[in-house]
Amino acid sequence: PCPPGVLSLRCRPPSWHRAARQLPPAPCRAFSNNKIQVDLDESSGVATMKFKSPPVNSLSLEFLTEFSISLEKLENDRACRGVIITSAIPKIFSSGLDIMEMCGKNVEHYGEFWRAVQEMWLRLYGSNMVTVAAVNGSSPAGGCLIALSCDYRIMAENPKFSIGLNEAQLGIVAPFWFKDTFVNVVGHRIAERSLQLGSLHPAPEALQLGLVDELVPEEKLLEKASAVMARWLALPDHARQLTKSMMRKAVLDRLVTHREEDIKYFINFISKESIQKSLRMYMEMLKKKKS
C-alpha cells in the first residue's frame, strides 16, 4: 500500500498503458475551484494550474485543500502527464502560508492546518507528473516551497520579484522537510546561510544560486514552460518516474515516518506566546504597509 499522502508508481496505471484508450480525448477540459483554476489540454497531456486567490495567493487551509485535491485529480487522470503551476494574479506567485491560520486559533485548528501543508508538499514533491513552476511574481516562504518542490523552475526576469524561505524574518523556523527540499536544490551551504538570514533573493540572484533554473521575460514565461515541459515529456514516463522516485524517496519517507511528530512540534511551537507575539507584530506591520 502507498504511504499516506504519497502516490507511488503502483497507485496509478502506468503511462504506457494510455495508448490503449479507445476514444480520442477531448482537446481541453477545465475544472475550477474558488482559489485555483485548472485547464487540462488532453492533446498534449499538460495541465496548467493557476492560483487565483487575491490579494496574494496566501496558502490558507481552503487553498491548500483545493491544491491537494486538484493535484490528486490530475495524478489520477490518464490523460495528464505534466502540470505547469503559475499565478493568475500580477506580481505575486504565492505569499506563502496564511498567517491568519497560525495566529489566535486553537490547537485543533493548528493541527488541521499543518496536516494540510504536509499533504500539499507530499503530493507535489512525490508527484509522478512532470511539474514545472512558472514563477511570475514574488514567492516567499511557502510559495518558494511550492516552486522548490517542482521538477523545474522558470522565473520572470524582473529584479523586483524575489524568492526564498524567509521564515526566520517572522521569528519562525522552516521545518526539516522545507530545509531538505531547499538543500536538494541549492546545496547545503547556500541553504544554511539563506535559511538563517531568512533571505529573499531577487530573480537574478536566485538564478545565480540555482534556486531557479531559468529567467525569461514575463510575457514569454508560459511559452517557455511549455517548451521545457515538452522536452521532459519526450522521455519514457516510467524511466523518468522511477528516477524521480529514487532521487526524492528518502526525503518523502522522512516526513511520512515522522508526520504526527511534526504536527505536534508545529502545534507546540506556534502556540508559544512569544511566537504568537511575533506573528501579531508581523501582521500589524503588513496592515501599516497597506494603509
C-alpha atoms as a PDB file:
ATOM      1  CA  PRO A   1       0.000   0.000   0.000  1.00  0.00           C
ATOM      2  CA  CYS A   2       1.054   3.597  -0.560  1.00  0.00           C
ATOM      3  CA  PRO A   3       2.272   5.642   2.417  1.00  0.00           C
ATOM      4  CA  PRO A   4      -0.266   8.346   3.293  1.00  0.00           C
ATOM      5  CA  GLY A   5      -0.078  11.337   1.006  1.00  0.00           C
ATOM      6  CA  VAL A   6       2.428   9.822  -1.427  1.00  0.00           C
ATOM      7  CA  LEU A   7       1.355   8.470  -4.783  1.00  0.00           C
ATOM      8  CA  SER A   8       3.727   5.689  -5.748  1.00  0.00           C
ATOM      9  CA  LEU A   9       4.064   4.225  -9.203  1.00  0.00           C
ATOM     10  CA  ARG A  10       1.854   1.322  -8.128  1.00  0.00           C
ATOM     11  CA  CYS A  11      -1.034   3.650  -7.260  1.00  0.00           C
ATOM     12  CA  ARG A  12      -1.874   4.693 -10.784  1.00  0.00           C
ATOM     13  CA  PRO A  13      -1.951   2.996 -14.148  1.00  0.00           C
ATOM     14  CA  PRO A  14       1.449   3.242 -15.900  1.00  0.00           C
ATOM     15  CA  SER A  15       1.551   5.884 -18.578  1.00  0.00           C
ATOM     16  CA  TRP A  16       2.493   3.404 -21.290  1.00  0.00           C
ATOM     17  CA  HIS A  17      -0.962   1.827 -20.969  1.00  0.00           C
ATOM     18  CA  ARG A  18      -2.552   5.068 -22.079  1.00  0.00           C
ATOM     19  CA  ALA A  19      -2.333   4.187 -25.767  1.00  0.00           C
ATOM     20  CA  ALA A  20      -4.964   1.517 -25.170  1.00  0.00           C
ATOM     21  CA  ARG A  21      -7.735   4.089 -24.748  1.00  0.00           C
ATOM     22  CA  GLN A  22     -10.393   3.583 -27.396  1.00  0.00           C
ATOM     23  CA  LEU A  23     -11.921   7.046 -27.700  1.00  0.00           C
ATOM     24  CA  PRO A  24      -9.973  10.129 -28.768  1.00  0.00           C
ATOM     25  CA  PRO A  25      -9.758  12.565 -25.845  1.00  0.00           C
ATOM     26  CA  ALA A  26     -11.468  15.928 -25.873  1.00  0.00           C
ATOM     27  CA  PRO A  27      -8.920  18.644 -26.669  1.00  0.00           C
ATOM     28  CA  CYS A  28      -9.296  20.609 -23.429  1.00  0.00           C
ATOM     29  CA  ARG A  29     -11.012  20.269 -20.074  1.00  0.00           C
ATOM     30  CA  ALA A  30     -11.209  22.730 -17.220  1.00  0.00           C
ATOM     31  CA  PHE A  31     -12.157  22.453 -13.603  1.00  0.00           C
ATOM     32  CA  SER A  32     -12.107  25.373 -11.257  1.00  0.00           C
ATOM     33  CA  ASN A  33     -12.390  25.745  -7.532  1.00  0.00           C
ATOM     34  CA  ASN A  34     -12.664  29.037  -5.671  1.00  0.00           C
ATOM     35  CA  LYS A  35      -8.928  29.584  -5.481  1.00  0.00           C
ATOM     36  CA  ILE A  36      -7.331  27.535  -8.276  1.00  0.00           C
ATOM     37  CA  GLN A  37      -8.122  27.312 -11.989  1.00  0.00           C
ATOM     38  CA  VAL A  38      -7.029  24.105 -13.737  1.00  0.00           C
ATOM     39  CA  ASP A  39      -7.035  23.615 -17.504  1.00  0.00           C
ATOM     40  CA  LEU A  40      -6.027  20.249 -18.968  1.00  0.00           C
ATOM     41  CA  ASP A  41      -5.027  20.066 -22.628  1.00  0.00           C
ATOM     42  CA  GLU A  42      -5.582  16.392 -23.396  1.00  0.00           C
ATOM     43  CA  SER A  43      -3.865  16.615 -26.787  1.00  0.00           C
ATOM     44  CA  SER A  44      -0.544  17.476 -25.092  1.00  0.00           C
ATOM     45  CA  GLY A  45      -1.246  15.812 -21.745  1.00  0.00           C
ATOM     46  CA  VAL A  46      -0.324  19.048 -19.956  1.00  0.00           C
ATOM     47  CA  ALA A  47      -2.414  20.839 -17.334  1.00  0.00           C
ATOM     48  CA  THR A  48      -1.980  24.445 -16.266  1.00  0.00           C
ATOM     49  CA  MET A  49      -2.779  25.230 -12.656  1.00  0.00           C
ATOM     50  CA  LYS A  50      -3.294  28.943 -11.940  1.00  0.00           C
ATOM     51  CA  PHE A  51      -3.540  30.333  -8.420  1.00  0.00           C
ATOM     52  CA  LYS A  52      -6.365  32.895  -8.221  1.00  0.00           C
ATOM     53  CA  SER A  53      -6.777  33.768  -4.555  1.00  0.00           C
ATOM     54  CA  PRO A  54      -6.423  37.547  -4.184  1.00  0.00           C
ATOM     55  CA  PRO A  55      -4.747  39.537  -2.944  1.00  0.00           C
ATOM     56  CA  VAL A  56      -1.567  37.418  -2.694  1.00  0.00           C
ATOM     57  CA  ASN A  57      -2.419  33.705  -3.127  1.00  0.00           C
ATOM     58  CA  SER A  58      -1.750  33.013   0.543  1.00  0.00           C
ATOM     59  CA  LEU A  59      -1.850  29.334   1.488  1.00  0.00           C
ATOM     60  CA  SER A  60      -4.936  29.140   3.655  1.00  0.00           C
ATOM     61  CA  LEU A  61      -6.468  25.858   4.780  1.00  0.00           C
ATOM     62  CA  GLU A  62      -9.045  26.161   1.999  1.00  0.00           C
ATOM     63  CA  PHE A  63      -6.384  26.932  -0.618  1.00  0.00           C
ATOM     64  CA  LEU A  64      -4.172  24.017   0.485  1.00  0.00           C
ATOM     65  CA  THR A  65      -7.126  21.609   0.409  1.00  0.00           C
ATOM     66  CA  GLU A  66      -8.061  22.697  -3.119  1.00  0.00           C
ATOM     67  CA  PHE A  67      -4.429  22.421  -4.207  1.00  0.00           C
ATOM     68  CA  SER A  68      -4.120  18.833  -2.977  1.00  0.00           C
ATOM     69  CA  ILE A  69      -7.489  17.817  -4.490  1.00  0.00           C
ATOM     70  CA  SER A  70      -6.552  19.395  -7.842  1.00  0.00           C
ATOM     71  CA  LEU A  71      -3.217  17.556  -7.876  1.00  0.00           C
ATOM     72  CA  GLU A  72      -4.908  14.280  -6.958  1.00  0.00           C
ATOM     73  CA  LYS A  73      -7.441  14.679  -9.787  1.00  0.00           C
ATOM     74  CA  LEU A  74      -4.655  15.295 -12.301  1.00  0.00           C
ATOM     75  CA  GLU A  75      -2.497  12.497 -10.899  1.00  0.00           C
ATOM     76  CA  ASN A  76      -5.341  10.025 -11.364  1.00  0.00           C
ATOM     77  CA  ASP A  77      -6.260  11.283 -14.847  1.00  0.00           C
ATOM     78  CA  ARG A  78      -4.669   9.094 -17.509  1.00  0.00           C
ATOM     79  CA  ALA A  79      -4.753  11.989 -19.953  1.00  0.00           C
ATOM     80  CA  CYS A  80      -2.447  14.122 -17.786  1.00  0.00           C
ATOM     81  CA  ARG A  81       1.343  13.703 -17.800  1.00  0.00           C
ATOM     82  CA  GLY A  82       2.524  17.099 -16.604  1.00  0.00           C
ATOM     83  CA  VAL A  83       1.402  20.278 -14.859  1.00  0.00           C
ATOM     84  CA  ILE A  84       2.581  23.880 -15.126  1.00  0.00           C
ATOM     85  CA  ILE A  85       1.981  25.821 -11.903  1.00  0.00           C
ATOM     86  CA  THR A  86       1.643  29.602 -12.092  1.00  0.00           C
ATOM     87  CA  SER A  87      -0.361  32.566 -10.796  1.00  0.00           C
ATOM     88  CA  ALA A  88      -3.308  34.458 -12.268  1.00  0.00           C
ATOM     89  CA  ILE A  89      -2.509  37.437 -10.009  1.00  0.00           C
ATOM     90  CA  PRO A  90       0.043  40.007 -11.238  1.00  0.00           C
ATOM     91  CA  LYS A  91       3.378  40.370  -9.405  1.00  0.00           C
ATOM     92  CA  ILE A  92       2.793  37.505  -6.947  1.00  0.00           C
ATOM     93  CA  PHE A  93       3.242  33.757  -7.312  1.00  0.00           C
ATOM     94  CA  SER A  94       2.275  32.969  -3.717  1.00  0.00           C
ATOM     95  CA  SER A  95       2.964  34.851  -0.497  1.00  0.00           C
ATOM     96  CA  GLY A  96       3.261  31.577   1.426  1.00  0.00           C
ATOM     97  CA  LEU A  97       1.397  30.247   4.440  1.00  0.00           C
ATOM     98  CA  ASP A  98      -1.573  32.325   5.559  1.00  0.00           C
ATOM     99  CA  ILE A  99      -0.544  33.878   8.878  1.00  0.00           C
ATOM    100  CA  MET A 100      -4.211  34.200   9.851  1.00  0.00           C
ATOM    101  CA  GLU A 101      -4.319  30.378  10.054  1.00  0.00           C
ATOM    102  CA  MET A 102      -1.473  30.412  12.586  1.00  0.00           C
ATOM    103  CA  CYS A 103      -2.499  33.284  14.825  1.00  0.00           C
ATOM    104  CA  GLY A 104      -5.059  33.226  17.627  1.00  0.00           C
ATOM    105  CA  LYS A 105      -6.578  29.831  16.751  1.00  0.00           C
ATOM    106  CA  ASN A 106      -6.983  26.667  18.859  1.00  0.00           C
ATOM    107  CA  VAL A 107      -4.686  23.629  18.789  1.00  0.00           C
ATOM    108  CA  GLU A 108      -7.174  21.570  16.746  1.00  0.00           C
ATOM    109  CA  HIS A 109      -7.111  24.183  14.011  1.00  0.00           C
ATOM    110  CA  TYR A 110      -3.306  24.362  14.040  1.00  0.00           C
ATOM    111  CA  GLY A 111      -3.150  20.574  13.664  1.00  0.00           C
ATOM    112  CA  GLU A 112      -5.621  20.522  10.781  1.00  0.00           C
ATOM    113  CA  PHE A 113      -3.814  23.369   9.030  1.00  0.00           C
ATOM    114  CA  TRP A 114      -0.364  21.795   9.379  1.00  0.00           C
ATOM    115  CA  ARG A 115      -1.597  18.420   8.121  1.00  0.00           C
ATOM    116  CA  ALA A 116      -2.894  20.236   5.012  1.00  0.00           C
ATOM    117  CA  VAL A 117       0.527  21.869   4.499  1.00  0.00           C
ATOM    118  CA  GLN A 118       2.191  18.453   4.768  1.00  0.00           C
ATOM    119  CA  GLU A 119      -0.308  16.900   2.360  1.00  0.00           C
ATOM    120  CA  MET A 120       0.296  19.592  -0.254  1.00  0.00           C
ATOM    121  CA  TRP A 121       4.055  19.004  -0.145  1.00  0.00           C
ATOM    122  CA  LEU A 122       3.825  15.197  -0.110  1.00  0.00           C
ATOM    123  CA  ARG A 123       1.580  15.238  -3.182  1.00  0.00           C
ATOM    124  CA  LEU A 124       3.612  17.797  -5.128  1.00  0.00           C
ATOM    125  CA  TYR A 125       7.133  16.611  -4.246  1.00  0.00           C
ATOM    126  CA  GLY A 126       6.096  12.975  -4.732  1.00  0.00           C
ATOM    127  CA  SER A 127       4.080  13.520  -7.915  1.00  0.00           C
ATOM    128  CA  ASN A 128       4.575  11.160 -10.864  1.00  0.00           C
ATOM    129  CA  MET A 129       3.767  14.025 -13.226  1.00  0.00           C
ATOM    130  CA  VAL A 130       6.344  16.415 -14.629  1.00  0.00           C
ATOM    131  CA  THR A 131       5.932  19.603 -12.598  1.00  0.00           C
ATOM    132  CA  VAL A 132       7.138  22.980 -13.879  1.00  0.00           C
ATOM    133  CA  ALA A 133       6.848  26.163 -11.801  1.00  0.00           C
ATOM    134  CA  ALA A 134       6.301  29.299 -13.901  1.00  0.00           C
ATOM    135  CA  VAL A 135       7.072  31.852 -11.192  1.00  0.00           C
ATOM    136  CA  ASN A 136       5.526  35.100 -12.427  1.00  0.00           C
ATOM    137  CA  GLY A 137       5.910  37.142  -9.247  1.00  0.00           C
ATOM    138  CA  SER A 138       7.403  37.159  -5.772  1.00  0.00           C
ATOM    139  CA  SER A 139       7.422  33.856  -3.958  1.00  0.00           C
ATOM    140  CA  PRO A 140       8.408  33.937  -0.267  1.00  0.00           C
ATOM    141  CA  ALA A 141       8.255  31.092   2.272  1.00  0.00           C
ATOM    142  CA  GLY A 142       5.545  28.540   1.386  1.00  0.00           C
ATOM    143  CA  GLY A 143       5.353  29.973  -2.136  1.00  0.00           C
ATOM    144  CA  CYS A 144       9.047  29.219  -2.510  1.00  0.00           C
ATOM    145  CA  LEU A 145       8.430  25.691  -1.191  1.00  0.00           C
ATOM    146  CA  ILE A 146       5.890  25.060  -3.975  1.00  0.00           C
ATOM    147  CA  ALA A 147       8.441  26.158  -6.582  1.00  0.00           C
ATOM    148  CA  LEU A 148      11.244  24.127  -4.947  1.00  0.00           C
ATOM    149  CA  SER A 149       9.031  21.028  -4.995  1.00  0.00           C
ATOM    150  CA  CYS A 150       8.633  21.138  -8.775  1.00  0.00           C
ATOM    151  CA  ASP A 151      10.974  19.434 -11.245  1.00  0.00           C
ATOM    152  CA  TYR A 152      11.911  22.699 -12.948  1.00  0.00           C
ATOM    153  CA  ARG A 153      11.614  26.385 -12.058  1.00  0.00           C
ATOM    154  CA  ILE A 154      11.350  29.264 -14.530  1.00  0.00           C
ATOM    155  CA  MET A 155      11.057  32.781 -13.110  1.00  0.00           C
ATOM    156  CA  ALA A 156      10.067  36.089 -14.692  1.00  0.00           C
ATOM    157  CA  GLU A 157      13.121  38.210 -15.427  1.00  0.00           C
ATOM    158  CA  ASN A 158      12.249  41.037 -13.060  1.00  0.00           C
ATOM    159  CA  PRO A 159      14.644  42.121 -10.260  1.00  0.00           C
ATOM    160  CA  LYS A 160      11.630  43.338  -8.248  1.00  0.00           C
ATOM    161  CA  PHE A 161      10.422  39.732  -7.898  1.00  0.00           C
ATOM    162  CA  SER A 162      12.084  37.713  -5.122  1.00  0.00           C
ATOM    163  CA  ILE A 163      12.010  34.149  -3.857  1.00  0.00           C
ATOM    164  CA  GLY A 164      13.262  32.385  -0.731  1.00  0.00           C
ATOM    165  CA  LEU A 165      12.439  30.664   2.550  1.00  0.00           C
ATOM    166  CA  ASN A 166      12.299  33.781   4.751  1.00  0.00           C
ATOM    167  CA  GLU A 167      10.645  32.218   7.814  1.00  0.00           C
ATOM    168  CA  ALA A 168      13.426  33.452  10.141  1.00  0.00           C
ATOM    169  CA  GLN A 169      12.336  37.057   9.444  1.00  0.00           C
ATOM    170  CA  LEU A 170       8.963  36.219  11.007  1.00  0.00           C
ATOM    171  CA  GLY A 171      10.567  34.641  14.068  1.00  0.00           C
ATOM    172  CA  ILE A 172       9.600  31.118  12.993  1.00  0.00           C
ATOM    173  CA  VAL A 173      11.697  28.170  11.813  1.00  0.00           C
ATOM    174  CA  ALA A 174      11.390  26.387   8.485  1.00  0.00           C
ATOM    175  CA  PRO A 175      10.535  22.704   9.178  1.00  0.00           C
ATOM    176  CA  PHE A 176      13.064  19.975   8.393  1.00  0.00           C
ATOM    177  CA  TRP A 177      11.278  18.982   5.192  1.00  0.00           C
ATOM    178  CA  PHE A 178      11.318  22.583   3.896  1.00  0.00           C
ATOM    179  CA  LYS A 179      15.054  22.540   4.659  1.00  0.00           C
ATOM    180  CA  ASP A 180      15.617  19.154   2.982  1.00  0.00           C
ATOM    181  CA  THR A 181      13.821  20.325  -0.178  1.00  0.00           C
ATOM    182  CA  PHE A 182      15.917  23.525  -0.234  1.00  0.00           C
ATOM    183  CA  VAL A 183      19.216  21.693   0.314  1.00  0.00           C
ATOM    184  CA  ASN A 184      18.411  19.268  -2.516  1.00  0.00           C
ATOM    185  CA  VAL A 185      18.070  22.228  -4.908  1.00  0.00           C
ATOM    186  CA  VAL A 186      20.850  24.661  -3.910  1.00  0.00           C
ATOM    187  CA  GLY A 187      23.238  22.649  -1.728  1.00  0.00           C
ATOM    188  CA  HIS A 188      23.952  22.750   1.997  1.00  0.00           C
ATOM    189  CA  ARG A 189      25.994  25.950   2.377  1.00  0.00           C
ATOM    190  CA  ILE A 190      23.713  28.221   0.343  1.00  0.00           C
ATOM    191  CA  ALA A 191      20.641  26.768   2.080  1.00  0.00           C
ATOM    192  CA  GLU A 192      22.175  27.158   5.548  1.00  0.00           C
ATOM    193  CA  ARG A 193      23.070  30.819   5.013  1.00  0.00           C
ATOM    194  CA  SER A 194      19.795  31.671   3.294  1.00  0.00           C
ATOM    195  CA  LEU A 195      17.652  29.962   5.967  1.00  0.00           C
ATOM    196  CA  GLN A 196      19.495  31.540   8.914  1.00  0.00           C
ATOM    197  CA  LEU A 197      19.194  35.010   7.396  1.00  0.00           C
ATOM    198  CA  GLY A 198      15.631  34.466   6.141  1.00  0.00           C
ATOM    199  CA  SER A 199      16.814  35.758   2.769  1.00  0.00           C
ATOM    200  CA  LEU A 200      14.586  36.700  -0.134  1.00  0.00           C
ATOM    201  CA  HIS A 201      16.638  36.542  -3.332  1.00  0.00           C
ATOM    202  CA  PRO A 202      15.866  38.840  -6.285  1.00  0.00           C
ATOM    203  CA  ALA A 203      15.330  36.892  -9.506  1.00  0.00           C
ATOM    204  CA  PRO A 204      18.888  37.399 -10.917  1.00  0.00           C
ATOM    205  CA  GLU A 205      20.432  36.243  -7.616  1.00  0.00           C
ATOM    206  CA  ALA A 206      18.021  33.286  -7.426  1.00  0.00           C
ATOM    207  CA  LEU A 207      19.295  32.165 -10.841  1.00  0.00           C
ATOM    208  CA  GLN A 208      22.915  32.578  -9.764  1.00  0.00           C
ATOM    209  CA  LEU A 209      22.302  30.443  -6.644  1.00  0.00           C
ATOM    210  CA  GLY A 210      20.487  27.727  -8.624  1.00  0.00           C
ATOM    211  CA  LEU A 211      17.234  28.399  -6.768  1.00  0.00           C
ATOM    212  CA  VAL A 212      15.572  28.814 -10.178  1.00  0.00           C
ATOM    213  CA  ASP A 213      16.705  27.170 -13.424  1.00  0.00           C
ATOM    214  CA  GLU A 214      15.970  29.970 -15.899  1.00  0.00           C
ATOM    215  CA  LEU A 215      14.885  33.586 -16.154  1.00  0.00           C
ATOM    216  CA  VAL A 216      12.761  34.699 -19.097  1.00  0.00           C
ATOM    217  CA  PRO A 217      10.765  37.849 -19.898  1.00  0.00           C
ATOM    218  CA  GLU A 218       7.417  37.653 -18.133  1.00  0.00           C
ATOM    219  CA  GLU A 219       5.394  37.638 -21.370  1.00  0.00           C
ATOM    220  CA  LYS A 220       7.298  34.526 -22.546  1.00  0.00           C
ATOM    221  CA  LEU A 221       7.057  32.607 -19.266  1.00  0.00           C
ATOM    222  CA  LEU A 222       4.246  30.189 -20.174  1.00  0.00           C
ATOM    223  CA  GLU A 223       5.629  29.671 -23.676  1.00  0.00           C
ATOM    224  CA  LYS A 224       8.994  28.706 -22.170  1.00  0.00           C
ATOM    225  CA  ALA A 225       7.312  26.482 -19.557  1.00  0.00           C
ATOM    226  CA  SER A 226       5.506  24.612 -22.351  1.00  0.00           C
ATOM    227  CA  ALA A 227       8.782  24.129 -24.258  1.00  0.00           C
ATOM    228  CA  VAL A 228      10.517  22.796 -21.126  1.00  0.00           C
ATOM    229  CA  MET A 229       7.566  20.504 -20.443  1.00  0.00           C
ATOM    230  CA  ALA A 230       7.717  19.087 -23.985  1.00  0.00           C
ATOM    231  CA  ARG A 231      11.415  18.279 -23.507  1.00  0.00           C
ATOM    232  CA  TRP A 232      10.724  16.410 -20.246  1.00  0.00           C
ATOM    233  CA  LEU A 233       7.715  14.574 -21.695  1.00  0.00           C
ATOM    234  CA  ALA A 234       9.783  13.350 -24.659  1.00  0.00           C
ATOM    235  CA  LEU A 235      11.271  10.721 -22.331  1.00  0.00           C
ATOM    236  CA  PRO A 236       9.506   7.457 -21.456  1.00  0.00           C
ATOM    237  CA  ASP A 237       7.349   8.191 -18.407  1.00  0.00           C
ATOM    238  CA  HIS A 238       8.290   5.049 -16.490  1.00  0.00           C
ATOM    239  CA  ALA A 239      12.042   5.754 -16.646  1.00  0.00           C
ATOM    240  CA  ARG A 240      11.619   9.372 -15.576  1.00  0.00           C
ATOM    241  CA  GLN A 241       9.141   8.487 -12.801  1.00  0.00           C
ATOM    242  CA  LEU A 242      11.370   5.781 -11.324  1.00  0.00           C
ATOM    243  CA  THR A 243      14.380   8.119 -11.424  1.00  0.00           C
ATOM    244  CA  LYS A 244      12.419  10.894  -9.715  1.00  0.00           C
ATOM    245  CA  SER A 245      11.205   8.477  -7.048  1.00  0.00           C
ATOM    246  CA  MET A 246      14.775   7.262  -6.467  1.00  0.00           C
ATOM    247  CA  MET A 247      16.003  10.848  -6.009  1.00  0.00           C
ATOM    248  CA  ARG A 248      13.187  12.011  -3.715  1.00  0.00           C
ATOM    249  CA  LYS A 249      12.046   8.926  -1.798  1.00  0.00           C
ATOM    250  CA  ALA A 250      14.320   9.337   1.254  1.00  0.00           C
ATOM    251  CA  VAL A 251      13.145  12.921   1.850  1.00  0.00           C
ATOM    252  CA  LEU A 252       9.463  11.995   1.404  1.00  0.00           C
ATOM    253  CA  ASP A 253       9.791   8.941   3.652  1.00  0.00           C
ATOM    254  CA  ARG A 254      11.316  11.043   6.408  1.00  0.00           C
ATOM    255  CA  LEU A 255       8.182  13.183   6.709  1.00  0.00           C
ATOM    256  CA  VAL A 256       5.816  10.212   6.293  1.00  0.00           C
ATOM    257  CA  THR A 257       7.623   8.446   9.155  1.00  0.00           C
ATOM    258  CA  HIS A 258       7.604  11.500  11.444  1.00  0.00           C
ATOM    259  CA  ARG A 259       4.337  13.107  10.301  1.00  0.00           C
ATOM    260  CA  GLU A 260       2.464  13.062  13.640  1.00  0.00           C
ATOM    261  CA  GLU A 261       5.596  14.143  15.496  1.00  0.00           C
ATOM    262  CA  ASP A 262       5.991  17.056  13.067  1.00  0.00           C
ATOM    263  CA  ILE A 263       2.368  18.146  13.650  1.00  0.00           C
ATOM    264  CA  LYS A 264       2.845  18.049  17.431  1.00  0.00           C
ATOM    265  CA  TYR A 265       6.044  20.064  17.126  1.00  0.00           C
ATOM    266  CA  PHE A 266       4.285  22.684  14.979  1.00  0.00           C
ATOM    267  CA  ILE A 267       1.349  22.963  17.420  1.00  0.00           C
ATOM    268  CA  ASN A 268       3.691  23.360  20.415  1.00  0.00           C
ATOM    269  CA  PHE A 269       5.865  25.881  18.601  1.00  0.00           C
ATOM    270  CA  ILE A 270       3.114  28.039  17.085  1.00  0.00           C
ATOM    271  CA  SER A 271       1.147  28.081  20.371  1.00  0.00           C
ATOM    272  CA  LYS A 272       4.001  29.751  22.294  1.00  0.00           C
ATOM    273  CA  GLU A 273       3.126  33.273  23.342  1.00  0.00           C
ATOM    274  CA  SER A 274       6.473  34.591  22.056  1.00  0.00           C
ATOM    275  CA  ILE A 275       5.711  33.191  18.575  1.00  0.00           C
ATOM    276  CA  GLN A 276       2.129  34.461  18.642  1.00  0.00           C
ATOM    277  CA  LYS A 277       3.503  37.904  19.573  1.00  0.00           C
ATOM    278  CA  SER A 278       5.936  37.817  16.627  1.00  0.00           C
ATOM    279  CA  LEU A 279       3.130  36.894  14.243  1.00  0.00           C
ATOM    280  CA  ARG A 280       0.854  39.653  15.609  1.00  0.00           C
ATOM    281  CA  MET A 281       3.652  42.191  15.162  1.00  0.00           C
ATOM    282  CA  TYR A 282       4.218  40.995  11.599  1.00  0.00           C
ATOM    283  CA  MET A 283       0.502  41.334  10.798  1.00  0.00           C
ATOM    284  CA  GLU A 284       0.473  44.847  12.259  1.00  0.00           C
ATOM    285  CA  MET A 285       3.420  45.731  10.059  1.00  0.00           C
ATOM    286  CA  LEU A 286       1.562  44.433   6.996  1.00  0.00           C
ATOM    287  CA  LYS A 287      -1.521  46.483   7.929  1.00  0.00           C
ATOM    288  CA  LYS A 288       0.607  49.637   8.222  1.00  0.00           C
ATOM    289  CA  LYS A 289       2.140  48.939   4.812  1.00  0.00           C
ATOM    290  CA  LYS A 290      -1.327  48.628   3.260  1.00  0.00           C
ATOM    291  CA  SER A 291      -2.522  51.871   4.822  1.00  0.00           C
END
